Every structure is written in C-alpha cells, then in structure tokens.
Amino acid sequence: FDDIRALFPIPSLTMHFVMSADSGVTDFAGLEGKSILLGKGSFGA
C-alpha cells in the first residue's frame, strides 16, 4: 500500500439532490414531509 502512486484525476463522485419542480422545494429545509428516493447500497444512498 505504501507503494501506491497517483497518475491523474478523473471526474468526481458528485452529490445531486434532485427535486421535481412541482414539489416546490428549493432548499434543504423544504425537504421536510417530502418523499425522497435514496436507492440502496450505493455511495449516493
């Protein structure tokens, strides 16, 4: 493990909290009472 060396960066794992326009949610406080799909077992979940 001490011999591991980097070469170059690739695209990062980027978090997206995606809300429907109809939900009216534009910030995290607005998530209260809403239904959210997180998925299962993934980094994002």
PDB file of all heavy atoms in Angstrom:
ATOM      1  N   PHE A   1       0.821  -1.206   0.000  1.00  0.00           N
ATOM      2  CA  PHE A   1       0.000   0.000   0.000  1.00  0.00           C
ATOM      3  C   PHE A   1       0.861   1.266   0.000  1.00  0.00           C
ATOM      4  O   PHE A   1       0.462   2.300  -0.523  1.00  0.00           O
ATOM      5  CB  PHE A   1      -0.936   0.015   1.210  1.00  0.00           C
ATOM      6  CG  PHE A   1      -1.967  -1.087   1.205  1.00  0.00           C
ATOM      7  CD1 PHE A   1      -2.441  -1.611   2.401  1.00  0.00           C
ATOM      8  CD2 PHE A   1      -2.468  -1.600   0.018  1.00  0.00           C
ATOM      9  CE1 PHE A   1      -3.401  -2.618   2.411  1.00  0.00           C
ATOM     10  CE2 PHE A   1      -3.423  -2.614   0.011  1.00  0.00           C
ATOM     11  CZ  PHE A   1      -3.887  -3.126   1.205  1.00  0.00           C
ATOM     12  N   ASP A   2       2.032   1.180   0.608  1.00  0.00           N
ATOM     13  CA  ASP A   2       2.915   2.346   0.657  1.00  0.00           C
ATOM     14  C   ASP A   2       3.508   2.675  -0.712  1.00  0.00           C
ATOM     15  O   ASP A   2       4.068   3.759  -0.905  1.00  0.00           O
ATOM     16  CB  ASP A   2       4.056   2.115   1.652  1.00  0.00           C
ATOM     17  CG  ASP A   2       3.556   2.048   3.086  1.00  0.00           C
ATOM     18  OD1 ASP A   2       2.521   2.685   3.379  1.00  0.00           O
ATOM     19  OD2 ASP A   2       4.182   1.351   3.907  1.00  0.00           O
ATOM     20  N   ASP A   3       3.384   1.741  -1.654  1.00  0.00           N
ATOM     21  CA  ASP A   3       3.943   1.947  -2.987  1.00  0.00           C
ATOM     22  C   ASP A   3       2.928   2.521  -3.969  1.00  0.00           C
ATOM     23  O   ASP A   3       3.236   2.709  -5.153  1.00  0.00           O
ATOM     24  CB  ASP A   3       4.475   0.624  -3.551  1.00  0.00           C
ATOM     25  CG  ASP A   3       5.638   0.072  -2.739  1.00  0.00           C
ATOM     26  OD1 ASP A   3       6.367   0.890  -2.144  1.00  0.00           O
ATOM     27  OD2 ASP A   3       5.812  -1.163  -2.695  1.00  0.00           O
ATOM     28  N   ILE A   4       1.709   2.813  -3.509  1.00  0.00           N
ATOM     29  CA  ILE A   4       0.683   3.379  -4.394  1.00  0.00           C
ATOM     30  C   ILE A   4       1.064   4.812  -4.763  1.00  0.00           C
ATOM     31  O   ILE A   4       1.444   5.612  -3.906  1.00  0.00           O
ATOM     32  CB  ILE A   4      -0.695   3.350  -3.709  1.00  0.00           C
ATOM     33  CG1 ILE A   4      -1.147   1.900  -3.492  1.00  0.00           C
ATOM     34  CG2 ILE A   4      -1.726   4.108  -4.533  1.00  0.00           C
ATOM     35  CD1 ILE A   4      -2.420   1.769  -2.673  1.00  0.00           C
ATOM     36  N   ARG A   5       0.931   5.117  -6.045  1.00  0.00           N
ATOM     37  CA  ARG A   5       1.253   6.452  -6.552  1.00  0.00           C
ATOM     38  C   ARG A   5       0.164   6.914  -7.525  1.00  0.00           C
ATOM     39  O   ARG A   5      -0.336   6.133  -8.327  1.00  0.00           O
ATOM     40  CB  ARG A   5       2.602   6.466  -7.267  1.00  0.00           C
ATOM     41  CG  ARG A   5       3.799   6.133  -6.380  1.00  0.00           C
ATOM     42  CD  ARG A   5       4.073   7.205  -5.343  1.00  0.00           C
ATOM     43  NE  ARG A   5       5.254   6.931  -4.538  1.00  0.00           N
ATOM     44  CZ  ARG A   5       5.255   6.244  -3.403  1.00  0.00           C
ATOM     45  NH1 ARG A   5       4.112   5.753  -2.930  1.00  0.00           N
ATOM     46  NH2 ARG A   5       6.383   6.044  -2.738  1.00  0.00           N
ATOM     47  N   ALA A   6      -0.170   8.193  -7.462  1.00  0.00           N
ATOM     48  CA  ALA A   6      -1.218   8.756  -8.314  1.00  0.00           C
ATOM     49  C   ALA A   6      -0.696   9.061  -9.714  1.00  0.00           C
ATOM     50  O   ALA A   6       0.490   9.352  -9.906  1.00  0.00           O
ATOM     51  CB  ALA A   6      -1.757  10.036  -7.683  1.00  0.00           C
ATOM     52  N   LEU A   7      -1.615   9.008 -10.686  1.00  0.00           N
ATOM     53  CA  LEU A   7      -1.310   9.415 -12.054  1.00  0.00           C
ATOM     54  C   LEU A   7      -2.095  10.674 -12.423  1.00  0.00           C
ATOM     55  O   LEU A   7      -1.514  11.708 -12.719  1.00  0.00           O
ATOM     56  CB  LEU A   7      -1.637   8.292 -13.038  1.00  0.00           C
ATOM     57  CG  LEU A   7      -0.765   7.039 -12.952  1.00  0.00           C
ATOM     58  CD1 LEU A   7      -1.302   5.948 -13.876  1.00  0.00           C
ATOM     59  CD2 LEU A   7       0.690   7.363 -13.291  1.00  0.00           C
ATOM     60  N   PHE A   8      -3.428  10.598 -12.377  1.00  0.00           N
ATOM     61  CA  PHE A   8      -4.238  11.759 -12.772  1.00  0.00           C
ATOM     62  C   PHE A   8      -5.646  11.649 -12.194  1.00  0.00           C
ATOM     63  O   PHE A   8      -6.138  10.553 -11.914  1.00  0.00           O
ATOM     64  CB  PHE A   8      -4.309  11.895 -14.296  1.00  0.00           C
ATOM     65  CG  PHE A   8      -4.593  10.602 -15.018  1.00  0.00           C
ATOM     66  CD1 PHE A   8      -5.890  10.088 -15.101  1.00  0.00           C
ATOM     67  CD2 PHE A   8      -3.566   9.889 -15.619  1.00  0.00           C
ATOM     68  CE1 PHE A   8      -6.155   8.898 -15.768  1.00  0.00           C
ATOM     69  CE2 PHE A   8      -3.821   8.685 -16.297  1.00  0.00           C
ATOM     70  CZ  PHE A   8      -5.118   8.189 -16.363  1.00  0.00           C
ATOM     71  N   PRO A   9      -6.333  12.789 -12.006  1.00  0.00           N
ATOM     72  CA  PRO A   9      -7.710  12.778 -11.507  1.00  0.00           C
ATOM     73  C   PRO A   9      -8.691  12.471 -12.628  1.00  0.00           C
ATOM     74  O   PRO A   9      -8.426  12.751 -13.806  1.00  0.00           O
ATOM     75  CB  PRO A   9      -7.905  14.212 -10.989  1.00  0.00           C
ATOM     76  CG  PRO A   9      -7.013  15.033 -11.866  1.00  0.00           C
ATOM     77  CD  PRO A   9      -5.814  14.166 -12.172  1.00  0.00           C
ATOM     78  N   ILE A  10      -9.828  11.878 -12.269  1.00  0.00           N
ATOM     79  CA  ILE A  10     -10.926  11.672 -13.205  1.00  0.00           C
ATOM     80  C   ILE A  10     -12.165  12.322 -12.582  1.00  0.00           C
ATOM     81  O   ILE A  10     -12.096  12.844 -11.463  1.00  0.00           O
ATOM     82  CB  ILE A  10     -11.137  10.179 -13.520  1.00  0.00           C
ATOM     83  CG1 ILE A  10     -11.505   9.381 -12.267  1.00  0.00           C
ATOM     84  CG2 ILE A  10      -9.889   9.595 -14.173  1.00  0.00           C
ATOM     85  CD1 ILE A  10     -11.855   7.918 -12.552  1.00  0.00           C
ATOM     86  N   PRO A  11     -13.309  12.350 -13.270  1.00  0.00           N
ATOM     87  CA  PRO A  11     -14.484  13.023 -12.695  1.00  0.00           C
ATOM     88  C   PRO A  11     -14.829  12.535 -11.288  1.00  0.00           C
ATOM     89  O   PRO A  11     -14.767  11.342 -10.991  1.00  0.00           O
ATOM     90  CB  PRO A  11     -15.589  12.680 -13.700  1.00  0.00           C
ATOM     91  CG  PRO A  11     -14.864  12.561 -15.001  1.00  0.00           C
ATOM     92  CD  PRO A  11     -13.565  11.891 -14.649  1.00  0.00           C
ATOM     93  N   SER A  12     -15.200  13.484 -10.443  1.00  0.00           N
ATOM     94  CA  SER A  12     -15.522  13.175  -9.049  1.00  0.00           C
ATOM     95  C   SER A  12     -16.935  12.619  -8.914  1.00  0.00           C
ATOM     96  O   SER A  12     -17.820  12.900  -9.728  1.00  0.00           O
ATOM     97  CB  SER A  12     -15.416  14.446  -8.194  1.00  0.00           C
ATOM     98  OG  SER A  12     -14.113  14.989  -8.233  1.00  0.00           O
ATOM     99  N   LEU A  13     -17.149  11.828  -7.846  1.00  0.00           N
ATOM    100  CA  LEU A  13     -18.500  11.416  -7.465  1.00  0.00           C
ATOM    101  C   LEU A  13     -19.194  12.646  -6.889  1.00  0.00           C
ATOM    102  O   LEU A  13     -18.779  13.162  -5.849  1.00  0.00           O
ATOM    103  CB  LEU A  13     -18.440  10.307  -6.410  1.00  0.00           C
ATOM    104  CG  LEU A  13     -18.240   8.876  -6.898  1.00  0.00           C
ATOM    105  CD1 LEU A  13     -17.848   7.981  -5.736  1.00  0.00           C
ATOM    106  CD2 LEU A  13     -19.508   8.361  -7.566  1.00  0.00           C
ATOM    107  N   THR A  14     -20.215  13.111  -7.567  1.00  0.00           N
ATOM    108  CA  THR A  14     -20.835  14.390  -7.232  1.00  0.00           C
ATOM    109  C   THR A  14     -22.266  14.191  -6.735  1.00  0.00           C
ATOM    110  O   THR A  14     -23.069  13.530  -7.393  1.00  0.00           O
ATOM    111  CB  THR A  14     -20.842  15.303  -8.472  1.00  0.00           C
ATOM    112  OG1 THR A  14     -19.504  15.444  -8.955  1.00  0.00           O
ATOM    113  CG2 THR A  14     -21.393  16.681  -8.134  1.00  0.00           C
ATOM    114  N   MET A  15     -22.577  14.762  -5.588  1.00  0.00           N
ATOM    115  CA  MET A  15     -23.900  14.610  -4.994  1.00  0.00           C
ATOM    116  C   MET A  15     -24.930  15.503  -5.682  1.00  0.00           C
ATOM    117  O   MET A  15     -24.674  16.681  -5.943  1.00  0.00           O
ATOM    118  CB  MET A  15     -23.855  14.949  -3.505  1.00  0.00           C
ATOM    119  CG  MET A  15     -23.127  13.922  -2.656  1.00  0.00           C
ATOM    120  SD  MET A  15     -23.931  12.303  -2.667  1.00  0.00           S
ATOM    121  CE  MET A  15     -25.464  12.693  -1.819  1.00  0.00           C
ATOM    122  N   HIS A  16     -26.095  14.900  -5.982  1.00  0.00           N
ATOM    123  CA  HIS A  16     -27.230  15.630  -6.548  1.00  0.00           C
ATOM    124  C   HIS A  16     -28.474  15.332  -5.708  1.00  0.00           C
ATOM    125  O   HIS A  16     -28.867  14.168  -5.592  1.00  0.00           O
ATOM    126  CB  HIS A  16     -27.524  15.180  -7.977  1.00  0.00           C
ATOM    127  CG  HIS A  16     -26.486  15.493  -8.997  1.00  0.00           C
ATOM    128  ND1 HIS A  16     -25.281  14.832  -9.073  1.00  0.00           N
ATOM    129  CD2 HIS A  16     -26.494  16.393 -10.022  1.00  0.00           C
ATOM    130  CE1 HIS A  16     -24.588  15.313 -10.100  1.00  0.00           C
ATOM    131  NE2 HIS A  16     -25.293  16.253 -10.688  1.00  0.00           N
ATOM    132  N   PHE A  17     -29.069  16.364  -5.117  1.00  0.00           N
ATOM    133  CA  PHE A  17     -30.386  16.252  -4.513  1.00  0.00           C
ATOM    134  C   PHE A  17     -31.365  16.849  -5.523  1.00  0.00           C
ATOM    135  O   PHE A  17     -31.391  18.066  -5.717  1.00  0.00           O
ATOM    136  CB  PHE A  17     -30.454  17.004  -3.184  1.00  0.00           C
ATOM    137  CG  PHE A  17     -29.914  16.229  -2.016  1.00  0.00           C
ATOM    138  CD1 PHE A  17     -28.546  16.134  -1.798  1.00  0.00           C
ATOM    139  CD2 PHE A  17     -30.769  15.583  -1.132  1.00  0.00           C
ATOM    140  CE1 PHE A  17     -28.039  15.413  -0.722  1.00  0.00           C
ATOM    141  CE2 PHE A  17     -30.269  14.858  -0.051  1.00  0.00           C
ATOM    142  CZ  PHE A  17     -28.907  14.770   0.152  1.00  0.00           C
ATOM    143  N   VAL A  18     -32.127  15.986  -6.185  1.00  0.00           N
ATOM    144  CA  VAL A  18     -32.951  16.384  -7.325  1.00  0.00           C
ATOM    145  C   VAL A  18     -34.422  16.390  -6.917  1.00  0.00           C
ATOM    146  O   VAL A  18     -34.985  15.351  -6.543  1.00  0.00           O
ATOM    147  CB  VAL A  18     -32.752  15.409  -8.507  1.00  0.00           C
ATOM    148  CG1 VAL A  18     -33.507  15.886  -9.739  1.00  0.00           C
ATOM    149  CG2 VAL A  18     -31.264  15.239  -8.813  1.00  0.00           C
ATOM    150  N   MET A  19     -35.072  17.551  -7.003  1.00  0.00           N
ATOM    151  CA  MET A  19     -36.466  17.678  -6.617  1.00  0.00           C
ATOM    152  C   MET A  19     -37.301  18.102  -7.824  1.00  0.00           C
ATOM    153  O   MET A  19     -36.872  18.912  -8.636  1.00  0.00           O
ATOM    154  CB  MET A  19     -36.608  18.721  -5.497  1.00  0.00           C
ATOM    155  CG  MET A  19     -35.772  18.422  -4.259  1.00  0.00           C
ATOM    156  SD  MET A  19     -36.172  16.834  -3.489  1.00  0.00           S
ATOM    157  CE  MET A  19     -37.890  17.091  -3.060  1.00  0.00           C
ATOM    158  N   SER A  20     -38.510  17.541  -7.920  1.00  0.00           N
ATOM    159  CA  SER A  20     -39.387  17.914  -9.022  1.00  0.00           C
ATOM    160  C   SER A  20     -39.797  19.371  -8.880  1.00  0.00           C
ATOM    161  O   SER A  20     -39.915  19.900  -7.760  1.00  0.00           O
ATOM    162  CB  SER A  20     -40.634  17.031  -9.039  1.00  0.00           C
ATOM    163  OG  SER A  20     -41.463  17.309  -7.927  1.00  0.00           O
ATOM    164  N   ALA A  21     -40.023  20.011 -10.004  1.00  0.00           N
ATOM    165  CA  ALA A  21     -40.475  21.402  -9.970  1.00  0.00           C
ATOM    166  C   ALA A  21     -41.812  21.513  -9.247  1.00  0.00           C
ATOM    167  O   ALA A  21     -42.070  22.487  -8.521  1.00  0.00           O
ATOM    168  CB  ALA A  21     -40.581  21.939 -11.394  1.00  0.00           C
ATOM    169  N   ASP A  22     -42.672  20.489  -9.407  1.00  0.00           N
ATOM    170  CA  ASP A  22     -43.993  20.516  -8.778  1.00  0.00           C
ATOM    171  C   ASP A  22     -43.922  20.467  -7.253  1.00  0.00           C
ATOM    172  O   ASP A  22     -44.848  20.911  -6.570  1.00  0.00           O
ATOM    173  CB  ASP A  22     -44.843  19.338  -9.275  1.00  0.00           C
ATOM    174  CG  ASP A  22     -45.259  19.491 -10.732  1.00  0.00           C
ATOM    175  OD1 ASP A  22     -45.168  20.621 -11.242  1.00  0.00           O
ATOM    176  OD2 ASP A  22     -45.635  18.483 -11.343  1.00  0.00           O
ATOM    177  N   SER A  23     -42.829  19.919  -6.719  1.00  0.00           N
ATOM    178  CA  SER A  23     -42.695  19.826  -5.259  1.00  0.00           C
ATOM    179  C   SER A  23     -42.519  21.187  -4.613  1.00  0.00           C
ATOM    180  O   SER A  23     -42.806  21.368  -3.431  1.00  0.00           O
ATOM    181  CB  SER A  23     -41.510  18.925  -4.888  1.00  0.00           C
ATOM    182  OG  SER A  23     -40.271  19.585  -5.151  1.00  0.00           O
ATOM    183  N   GLY A  24     -42.010  22.135  -5.387  1.00  0.00           N
ATOM    184  CA  GLY A  24     -41.776  23.476  -4.861  1.00  0.00           C
ATOM    185  C   GLY A  24     -40.567  23.591  -3.954  1.00  0.00           C
ATOM    186  O   GLY A  24     -40.306  24.651  -3.375  1.00  0.00           O
ATOM    187  N   VAL A  25     -39.798  22.517  -3.817  1.00  0.00           N
ATOM    188  CA  VAL A  25     -38.642  22.504  -2.909  1.00  0.00           C
ATOM    189  C   VAL A  25     -37.438  23.138  -3.593  1.00  0.00           C
ATOM    190  O   VAL A  25     -37.045  22.740  -4.692  1.00  0.00           O
ATOM    191  CB  VAL A  25     -38.298  21.068  -2.471  1.00  0.00           C
ATOM    192  CG1 VAL A  25     -37.052  21.062  -1.592  1.00  0.00           C
ATOM    193  CG2 VAL A  25     -39.473  20.443  -1.734  1.00  0.00           C
ATOM    194  N   THR A  26     -36.846  24.127  -2.939  1.00  0.00           N
ATOM    195  CA  THR A  26     -35.660  24.799  -3.488  1.00  0.00           C
ATOM    196  C   THR A  26     -34.492  24.809  -2.516  1.00  0.00           C
ATOM    197  O   THR A  26     -33.409  25.309  -2.846  1.00  0.00           O
ATOM    198  CB  THR A  26     -35.991  26.254  -3.885  1.00  0.00           C
ATOM    199  OG1 THR A  26     -36.498  26.952  -2.740  1.00  0.00           O
ATOM    200  CG2 THR A  26     -37.026  26.282  -5.002  1.00  0.00           C
ATOM    201  N   ASP A  27     -34.701  24.302  -1.292  1.00  0.00           N
ATOM    202  CA  ASP A  27     -33.605  24.220  -0.324  1.00  0.00           C
ATOM    203  C   ASP A  27     -33.844  23.019   0.584  1.00  0.00           C
ATOM    204  O   ASP A  27     -34.905  22.381   0.546  1.00  0.00           O
ATOM    205  CB  ASP A  27     -33.458  25.513   0.493  1.00  0.00           C
ATOM    206  CG  ASP A  27     -34.732  25.889   1.241  1.00  0.00           C
ATOM    207  OD1 ASP A  27     -35.557  24.990   1.534  1.00  0.00           O
ATOM    208  OD2 ASP A  27     -34.925  27.081   1.527  1.00  0.00           O
ATOM    209  N   PHE A  28     -32.883  22.709   1.436  1.00  0.00           N
ATOM    210  CA  PHE A  28     -32.977  21.507   2.256  1.00  0.00           C
ATOM    211  C   PHE A  28     -34.079  21.592   3.303  1.00  0.00           C
ATOM    212  O   PHE A  28     -34.692  20.578   3.649  1.00  0.00           O
ATOM    213  CB  PHE A  28     -31.623  21.198   2.905  1.00  0.00           C
ATOM    214  CG  PHE A  28     -30.669  20.520   1.968  1.00  0.00           C
ATOM    215  CD1 PHE A  28     -29.816  21.262   1.168  1.00  0.00           C
ATOM    216  CD2 PHE A  28     -30.645  19.139   1.854  1.00  0.00           C
ATOM    217  CE1 PHE A  28     -28.947  20.644   0.276  1.00  0.00           C
ATOM    218  CE2 PHE A  28     -29.798  18.512   0.967  1.00  0.00           C
ATOM    219  CZ  PHE A  28     -28.943  19.265   0.173  1.00  0.00           C
ATOM    220  N   ALA A  29     -34.367  22.787   3.801  1.00  0.00           N
ATOM    221  CA  ALA A  29     -35.440  22.933   4.781  1.00  0.00           C
ATOM    222  C   ALA A  29     -36.772  22.485   4.186  1.00  0.00           C
ATOM    223  O   ALA A  29     -37.641  21.943   4.892  1.00  0.00           O
ATOM    224  CB  ALA A  29     -35.527  24.380   5.251  1.00  0.00           C
ATOM    225  N   GLY A  30     -36.926  22.678   2.887  1.00  0.00           N
ATOM    226  CA  GLY A  30     -38.173  22.319   2.219  1.00  0.00           C
ATOM    227  C   GLY A  30     -38.370  20.832   2.037  1.00  0.00           C
ATOM    228  O   GLY A  30     -39.451  20.390   1.601  1.00  0.00           O
ATOM    229  N   LEU A  31     -37.363  20.001   2.378  1.00  0.00           N
ATOM    230  CA  LEU A  31     -37.495  18.548   2.223  1.00  0.00           C
ATOM    231  C   LEU A  31     -38.419  17.919   3.253  1.00  0.00           C
ATOM    232  O   LEU A  31     -38.922  16.817   3.049  1.00  0.00           O
ATOM    233  CB  LEU A  31     -36.111  17.884   2.332  1.00  0.00           C
ATOM    234  CG  LEU A  31     -35.119  18.134   1.195  1.00  0.00           C
ATOM    235  CD1 LEU A  31     -33.787  17.458   1.505  1.00  0.00           C
ATOM    236  CD2 LEU A  31     -35.676  17.626  -0.127  1.00  0.00           C
ATOM    237  N   GLU A  32     -38.659  18.613   4.356  1.00  0.00           N
ATOM    238  CA  GLU A  32     -39.484  18.052   5.422  1.00  0.00           C
ATOM    239  C   GLU A  32     -40.872  17.697   4.887  1.00  0.00           C
ATOM    240  O   GLU A  32     -41.542  18.511   4.242  1.00  0.00           O
ATOM    241  CB  GLU A  32     -39.607  19.044   6.582  1.00  0.00           C
ATOM    242  CG  GLU A  32     -40.298  18.461   7.801  1.00  0.00           C
ATOM    243  CD  GLU A  32     -40.177  19.340   9.031  1.00  0.00           C
ATOM    244  OE1 GLU A  32     -39.315  20.240   9.044  1.00  0.00           O
ATOM    245  OE2 GLU A  32     -40.961  19.112   9.984  1.00  0.00           O
ATOM    246  N   GLY A  33     -41.272  16.446   5.137  1.00  0.00           N
ATOM    247  CA  GLY A  33     -42.575  15.981   4.704  1.00  0.00           C
ATOM    248  C   GLY A  33     -42.627  15.486   3.279  1.00  0.00           C
ATOM    249  O   GLY A  33     -43.680  15.033   2.814  1.00  0.00           O
ATOM    250  N   LYS A  34     -41.524  15.531   2.576  1.00  0.00           N
ATOM    251  CA  LYS A  34     -41.482  15.107   1.181  1.00  0.00           C
ATOM    252  C   LYS A  34     -41.005  13.657   1.057  1.00  0.00           C
ATOM    253  O   LYS A  34     -40.404  13.096   1.976  1.00  0.00           O
ATOM    254  CB  LYS A  34     -40.560  16.017   0.368  1.00  0.00           C
ATOM    255  CG  LYS A  34     -40.962  17.486   0.386  1.00  0.00           C
ATOM    256  CD  LYS A  34     -42.345  17.698  -0.204  1.00  0.00           C
ATOM    257  CE  LYS A  34     -42.706  19.178  -0.218  1.00  0.00           C
ATOM    258  NZ  LYS A  34     -44.063  19.406  -0.769  1.00  0.00           N
ATOM    259  N   SER A  35     -41.281  13.072  -0.104  1.00  0.00           N
ATOM    260  CA  SER A  35     -40.875  11.691  -0.386  1.00  0.00           C
ATOM    261  C   SER A  35     -39.625  11.695  -1.246  1.00  0.00           C
ATOM    262  O   SER A  35     -39.612  12.269  -2.343  1.00  0.00           O
ATOM    263  CB  SER A  35     -42.010  10.964  -1.117  1.00  0.00           C
ATOM    264  OG  SER A  35     -41.598   9.688  -1.534  1.00  0.00           O
ATOM    265  N   ILE A  36     -38.560  11.036  -0.732  1.00  0.00           N
ATOM    266  CA  ILE A  36     -37.263  11.038  -1.406  1.00  0.00           C
ATOM    267  C   ILE A  36     -36.807   9.608  -1.673  1.00  0.00           C
ATOM    268  O   ILE A  36     -36.902   8.741  -0.802  1.00  0.00           O
ATOM    269  CB  ILE A  36     -36.178  11.742  -0.549  1.00  0.00           C
ATOM    270  CG1 ILE A  36     -36.634  13.148  -0.168  1.00  0.00           C
ATOM    271  CG2 ILE A  36     -34.839  11.794  -1.293  1.00  0.00           C
ATOM    272  CD1 ILE A  36     -36.793  14.088  -1.335  1.00  0.00           C
ATOM    273  N   LEU A  37     -36.286   9.365  -2.869  1.00  0.00           N
ATOM    274  CA  LEU A  37     -35.717   8.063  -3.200  1.00  0.00           C
ATOM    275  C   LEU A  37     -34.199   8.163  -3.062  1.00  0.00           C
ATOM    276  O   LEU A  37     -33.559   8.969  -3.748  1.00  0.00           O
ATOM    277  CB  LEU A  37     -36.108   7.669  -4.636  1.00  0.00           C
ATOM    278  CG  LEU A  37     -35.942   6.199  -5.038  1.00  0.00           C
ATOM    279  CD1 LEU A  37     -36.751   5.911  -6.311  1.00  0.00           C
ATOM    280  CD2 LEU A  37     -34.482   5.830  -5.297  1.00  0.00           C
ATOM    281  N   LEU A  38     -33.643   7.339  -2.169  1.00  0.00           N
ATOM    282  CA  LEU A  38     -32.192   7.332  -1.958  1.00  0.00           C
ATOM    283  C   LEU A  38     -31.497   6.200  -2.718  1.00  0.00           C
ATOM    284  O   LEU A  38     -30.300   6.279  -2.987  1.00  0.00           O
ATOM    285  CB  LEU A  38     -31.859   7.181  -0.471  1.00  0.00           C
ATOM    286  CG  LEU A  38     -32.273   8.322   0.465  1.00  0.00           C
ATOM    287  CD1 LEU A  38     -31.880   7.971   1.902  1.00  0.00           C
ATOM    288  CD2 LEU A  38     -31.616   9.639   0.052  1.00  0.00           C
ATOM    289  N   GLY A  39     -32.255   5.149  -3.048  1.00  0.00           N
ATOM    290  CA  GLY A  39     -31.607   3.974  -3.615  1.00  0.00           C
ATOM    291  C   GLY A  39     -31.076   3.098  -2.495  1.00  0.00           C
ATOM    292  O   GLY A  39     -31.316   3.348  -1.309  1.00  0.00           O
ATOM    293  N   LYS A  40     -30.323   2.082  -2.871  1.00  0.00           N
ATOM    294  CA  LYS A  40     -29.842   1.122  -1.874  1.00  0.00           C
ATOM    295  C   LYS A  40     -28.383   0.736  -2.131  1.00  0.00           C
ATOM    296  O   LYS A  40     -28.005   0.431  -3.261  1.00  0.00           O
ATOM    297  CB  LYS A  40     -30.702  -0.139  -1.906  1.00  0.00           C
ATOM    298  CG  LYS A  40     -32.172   0.095  -1.629  1.00  0.00           C
ATOM    299  CD  LYS A  40     -32.983  -1.166  -1.822  1.00  0.00           C
ATOM    300  CE  LYS A  40     -34.471  -0.909  -1.613  1.00  0.00           C
ATOM    301  NZ  LYS A  40     -35.277  -2.122  -1.851  1.00  0.00           N
ATOM    302  N   GLY A  41     -27.590   0.773  -1.069  1.00  0.00           N
ATOM    303  CA  GLY A  41     -26.252   0.210  -1.119  1.00  0.00           C
ATOM    304  C   GLY A  41     -25.179   1.030  -1.797  1.00  0.00           C
ATOM    305  O   GLY A  41     -24.007   0.699  -1.710  1.00  0.00           O
ATOM    306  N   SER A  42     -25.547   2.112  -2.449  1.00  0.00           N
ATOM    307  CA  SER A  42     -24.566   2.893  -3.196  1.00  0.00           C
ATOM    308  C   SER A  42     -23.956   3.990  -2.327  1.00  0.00           C
ATOM    309  O   SER A  42     -24.458   4.311  -1.243  1.00  0.00           O
ATOM    310  CB  SER A  42     -25.220   3.525  -4.425  1.00  0.00           C
ATOM    311  OG  SER A  42     -26.166   4.499  -4.020  1.00  0.00           O
ATOM    312  N   PHE A  43     -22.873   4.592  -2.831  1.00  0.00           N
ATOM    313  CA  PHE A  43     -22.283   5.736  -2.149  1.00  0.00           C
ATOM    314  C   PHE A  43     -23.308   6.850  -2.014  1.00  0.00           C
ATOM    315  O   PHE A  43     -23.441   7.468  -0.952  1.00  0.00           O
ATOM    316  CB  PHE A  43     -21.057   6.236  -2.920  1.00  0.00           C
ATOM    317  CG  PHE A  43     -20.553   7.584  -2.460  1.00  0.00           C
ATOM    318  CD1 PHE A  43     -19.774   7.695  -1.323  1.00  0.00           C
ATOM    319  CD2 PHE A  43     -20.875   8.738  -3.167  1.00  0.00           C
ATOM    320  CE1 PHE A  43     -19.325   8.936  -0.874  1.00  0.00           C
ATOM    321  CE2 PHE A  43     -20.424   9.980  -2.741  1.00  0.00           C
ATOM    322  CZ  PHE A  43     -19.643  10.075  -1.595  1.00  0.00           C
ATOM    323  N   GLY A  44     -24.057   7.116  -3.093  1.00  0.00           N
ATOM    324  CA  GLY A  44     -25.050   8.183  -3.062  1.00  0.00           C
ATOM    325  C   GLY A  44     -26.127   7.946  -2.021  1.00  0.00           C
ATOM    326  O   GLY A  44     -26.575   8.885  -1.351  1.00  0.00           O
ATOM    327  N   ALA A  45     -26.557   6.683  -1.875  1.00  0.00           N
ATOM    328  CA  ALA A  45     -27.586   6.354  -0.885  1.00  0.00           C
ATOM    329  C   ALA A  45     -27.064   6.578   0.528  1.00  0.00           C
ATOM    330  O   ALA A  45     -27.754   7.170   1.380  1.00  0.00           O
ATOM    331  CB  ALA A  45     -28.031   4.907  -1.064  1.00  0.00           C
TER     332      ALA A  45
END
